[in-house]
Amino acid sequence: MQALYLVPGKIGVGRFQPYVQYTAINPLDSANRNEWQGGVNYVIDGHNARVAVFYTYGDIRSKGANYASNAAGDKVDSFHVALQVQY
């Protein structure tokens, strides 16, 4: 599940896009995994140029691809800054 909103009107050369995302993985015969992510994109040129700042919290990365019936992992949080440029 994901919700995004592209704020109308440019600020500088781009527009702000706050968002929130929830990811859930519910495999058969293994522990469930979930993750929350929230952040803001600064969209300069659509998918060609953007800067993102976001925070994640969950156990998807700590349980990884271990789908054993006793899979365990801590809930971890992280902060990210990303740059996307393509031409």
Protein backbone atom coordinates (compact mmCIF):
# COMPACT_ATOMS: atom_id res chain seq x y z
CA MET A 1 0.00 0.00 0.00
CA GLN A 2 1.37 3.40 -0.93
CA ALA A 3 0.09 6.97 -0.79
CA LEU A 4 1.84 9.88 -2.51
CA TYR A 5 0.92 13.51 -3.09
CA LEU A 6 2.71 15.77 -5.57
CA VAL A 7 2.45 19.27 -4.12
CA PRO A 8 1.28 21.73 -6.79
CA GLY A 9 3.58 24.54 -7.80
CA LYS A 10 7.34 24.51 -8.13
CA ILE A 11 9.69 25.46 -5.34
CA GLY A 12 13.02 26.20 -6.94
CA VAL A 13 13.50 23.86 -9.91
CA GLY A 14 11.22 21.06 -8.64
CA ARG A 15 8.19 19.98 -6.65
CA PHE A 16 7.88 18.15 -3.32
CA GLN A 17 6.17 14.77 -3.07
CA PRO A 18 5.60 13.41 0.46
CA TYR A 19 4.69 9.74 0.72
CA VAL A 20 4.08 6.79 3.00
CA GLN A 21 4.35 3.10 2.09
CA TYR A 22 3.52 -0.14 3.88
CA THR A 23 4.84 -3.51 2.70
CA ALA A 24 3.72 -6.85 4.12
CA ILE A 25 4.95 -10.33 3.23
CA ASN A 26 2.84 -13.15 4.66
CA PRO A 27 4.37 -16.46 3.50
CA LEU A 28 2.87 -19.84 4.26
CA ASP A 29 4.71 -21.77 6.99
CA SER A 30 6.99 -18.84 7.95
CA ALA A 31 6.91 -15.68 10.05
CA ASN A 32 5.27 -12.59 8.58
CA ARG A 33 7.43 -9.63 7.58
CA ASN A 34 6.44 -5.97 7.31
CA GLU A 35 7.96 -2.55 6.78
CA TRP A 36 6.83 1.07 6.97
CA GLN A 37 8.51 3.75 4.88
CA GLY A 38 7.87 7.48 4.87
CA GLY A 39 9.67 10.29 3.19
CA VAL A 40 9.68 13.08 0.67
CA ASN A 41 10.85 13.23 -2.93
CA TYR A 42 12.03 16.42 -4.57
CA VAL A 43 10.98 15.82 -8.18
CA ILE A 44 13.03 17.89 -10.62
CA ASP A 45 12.23 16.19 -13.95
CA GLY A 46 9.82 13.29 -13.42
CA HIS A 47 11.71 9.99 -13.27
CA ASN A 48 14.76 11.60 -14.89
CA ALA A 49 15.91 13.62 -11.89
CA ARG A 50 14.85 13.46 -8.25
CA VAL A 51 16.24 13.53 -4.73
CA ALA A 52 14.65 11.43 -1.99
CA VAL A 53 14.90 11.46 1.79
CA PHE A 54 13.13 8.64 3.63
CA TYR A 55 12.91 6.58 6.82
CA THR A 56 12.14 2.85 7.07
CA TYR A 57 11.11 0.64 10.00
CA GLY A 58 10.42 -3.08 9.91
CA ASP A 59 11.82 -6.58 9.80
CA ILE A 60 11.89 -7.40 6.06
CA ARG A 61 15.65 -6.87 5.79
CA SER A 62 16.53 -8.59 9.07
CA LYS A 63 14.62 -11.79 8.21
CA GLY A 64 15.77 -11.66 4.60
CA ALA A 65 15.12 -14.68 2.41
CA ASN A 66 14.99 -17.05 5.39
CA TYR A 67 11.54 -18.60 4.96
CA ALA A 68 12.07 -21.38 7.51
CA SER A 69 9.22 -21.91 9.95
CA ASN A 70 11.34 -20.40 12.75
CA ALA A 71 12.54 -17.31 10.85
CA ALA A 72 13.31 -14.48 13.26
CA GLY A 73 14.61 -10.95 12.94
CA ASP A 74 14.62 -7.68 14.80
CA LYS A 75 12.62 -4.65 13.77
CA VAL A 76 15.21 -2.19 12.49
CA ASP A 77 15.02 1.41 11.38
CA SER A 78 17.14 3.34 8.90
CA PHE A 79 17.40 6.77 7.30
CA HIS A 80 18.27 7.19 3.60
CA VAL A 81 19.16 9.94 1.15
CA ALA A 82 18.99 8.99 -2.54
CA LEU A 83 19.61 10.63 -5.89
CA GLN A 84 18.08 9.41 -9.16
CA VAL A 85 19.39 10.73 -12.45
CA GLN A 86 18.85 9.20 -15.87
CA TYR A 87 19.15 10.55 -19.37
